[in-house]
């Protein structure tokens, strides 16, 4: 019985994780302000995109870089953006805390 419960929780957890995706947007001219900790985020699918491709910039309505967008089931649920100095205001803890809360809310 314990094995079944553990297996069920694992499947539910993997399903929740598969639904949460995080995309980091930056531009070639702003590499000095890249979000170095982005790859260290856990419990979500991660992708980095360069907005030098203007189609990407338009598709996601990126106004300033870097920007991190959290998606749940393909829908944007949170956006973390840089300040006027092109440095991300949010910390790794801020973004990870949001991801964790989003996953916990699914249970």
Protein backbone atom coordinates (compact mmCIF):
# COMPACT_ATOMS: atom_id res chain seq x y z
CA UNK A 1 0.00 0.00 0.00
CA UNK A 2 2.82 2.43 0.88
CA UNK A 3 4.49 1.67 -2.44
CA UNK A 4 1.27 2.44 -4.32
CA UNK A 5 0.85 5.74 -2.49
CA UNK A 6 4.48 6.70 -3.11
CA UNK A 7 4.13 5.81 -6.79
CA UNK A 8 0.92 7.82 -7.09
CA UNK A 9 2.52 10.86 -5.44
CA UNK A 10 5.50 10.58 -7.79
CA UNK A 11 3.23 10.54 -10.84
CA UNK A 12 1.23 13.53 -9.56
CA UNK A 13 4.44 15.40 -8.79
CA UNK A 14 5.90 14.71 -12.24
CA UNK A 15 2.67 15.83 -13.87
CA UNK A 16 2.71 19.10 -11.93
CA UNK A 17 6.37 19.67 -12.82
CA UNK A 18 5.75 18.99 -16.49
CA UNK A 19 3.12 21.73 -16.55
CA UNK A 20 5.37 24.47 -15.08
CA UNK A 21 7.83 26.01 -17.53
CA UNK A 22 10.14 28.98 -17.10
CA UNK A 23 11.66 30.96 -19.98
CA UNK A 24 14.56 33.38 -19.59
CA UNK A 25 14.78 36.11 -22.24
CA UNK A 26 17.85 38.22 -22.90
CA UNK A 27 19.62 39.88 -25.82
CA UNK A 28 23.13 39.58 -27.19
CA UNK A 29 23.89 43.20 -26.34
CA UNK A 30 22.91 42.58 -22.68
CA UNK A 31 25.00 39.49 -21.91
CA UNK A 32 26.74 41.33 -19.07
CA UNK A 33 23.41 41.29 -17.19
CA UNK A 34 22.56 37.66 -17.93
CA UNK A 35 20.77 35.79 -15.13
CA UNK A 36 23.56 33.40 -14.10
CA UNK A 37 21.44 31.47 -11.61
CA UNK A 38 18.63 30.66 -14.06
CA UNK A 39 19.84 27.09 -14.74
CA UNK A 40 19.87 26.42 -10.99
CA UNK A 41 16.10 26.81 -10.69
CA UNK A 42 14.44 23.49 -9.91
CA UNK A 43 11.08 21.78 -10.33
CA UNK A 44 10.25 23.36 -13.69
CA UNK A 45 11.16 23.01 -17.34
CA UNK A 46 13.65 25.73 -18.30
CA UNK A 47 14.53 27.40 -21.57
CA UNK A 48 16.61 30.46 -22.51
CA UNK A 49 15.73 32.54 -25.57
CA UNK A 50 17.50 35.43 -27.25
CA UNK A 51 15.27 38.29 -28.36
CA UNK A 52 17.70 39.33 -31.09
CA UNK A 53 15.14 37.31 -33.08
CA UNK A 54 12.40 39.95 -33.15
CA UNK A 55 9.67 37.34 -33.71
CA UNK A 56 10.39 35.95 -30.23
CA UNK A 57 10.31 39.45 -28.78
CA UNK A 58 6.92 40.13 -30.36
CA UNK A 59 5.43 36.72 -29.52
CA UNK A 60 6.14 37.12 -25.80
CA UNK A 61 5.80 40.93 -25.67
CA UNK A 62 9.27 41.41 -24.19
CA UNK A 63 9.81 45.10 -23.42
CA UNK A 64 13.01 44.87 -21.36
CA UNK A 65 15.70 42.26 -20.79
CA UNK A 66 16.39 40.18 -18.95
CA UNK A 67 12.86 38.93 -18.37
CA UNK A 68 11.80 35.62 -16.84
CA UNK A 69 8.29 34.34 -17.52
CA UNK A 70 6.67 31.46 -15.62
CA UNK A 71 4.07 29.43 -17.51
CA UNK A 72 1.54 26.97 -16.12
CA UNK A 73 -0.13 24.69 -18.67
CA UNK A 74 1.20 26.98 -21.42
CA UNK A 75 -0.33 30.12 -19.94
CA UNK A 76 1.76 32.98 -18.55
CA UNK A 77 1.22 33.29 -14.79
CA UNK A 78 4.12 35.47 -13.65
CA UNK A 79 6.66 37.83 -15.20
CA UNK A 80 9.91 39.00 -13.58
CA UNK A 81 11.53 41.92 -15.40
CA UNK A 82 14.70 43.99 -15.28
CA UNK A 83 14.82 47.53 -13.98
CA UNK A 84 15.94 50.49 -16.08
CA UNK A 85 19.59 49.45 -15.68
CA UNK A 86 18.78 46.16 -17.48
CA UNK A 87 19.42 44.08 -14.36
CA UNK A 88 16.82 41.62 -13.13
CA UNK A 89 15.25 42.85 -9.90
CA UNK A 90 14.01 39.43 -8.73
CA UNK A 91 16.39 37.04 -7.02
CA UNK A 92 16.74 33.31 -7.52
CA UNK A 93 14.85 32.83 -4.24
CA UNK A 94 11.97 35.03 -5.48
CA UNK A 95 11.54 33.02 -8.67
CA UNK A 96 12.03 29.63 -6.99
CA UNK A 97 9.54 30.52 -4.27
CA UNK A 98 6.94 31.38 -6.91
CA UNK A 99 7.57 28.07 -8.73
CA UNK A 100 7.29 26.13 -5.46
CA UNK A 101 4.04 27.86 -4.50
CA UNK A 102 2.60 27.21 -7.95
CA UNK A 103 3.39 23.49 -7.73
CA UNK A 104 2.08 23.18 -4.17
CA UNK A 105 -1.17 24.88 -5.21
CA UNK A 106 -1.83 21.96 -7.59
CA UNK A 107 -2.23 19.48 -4.71
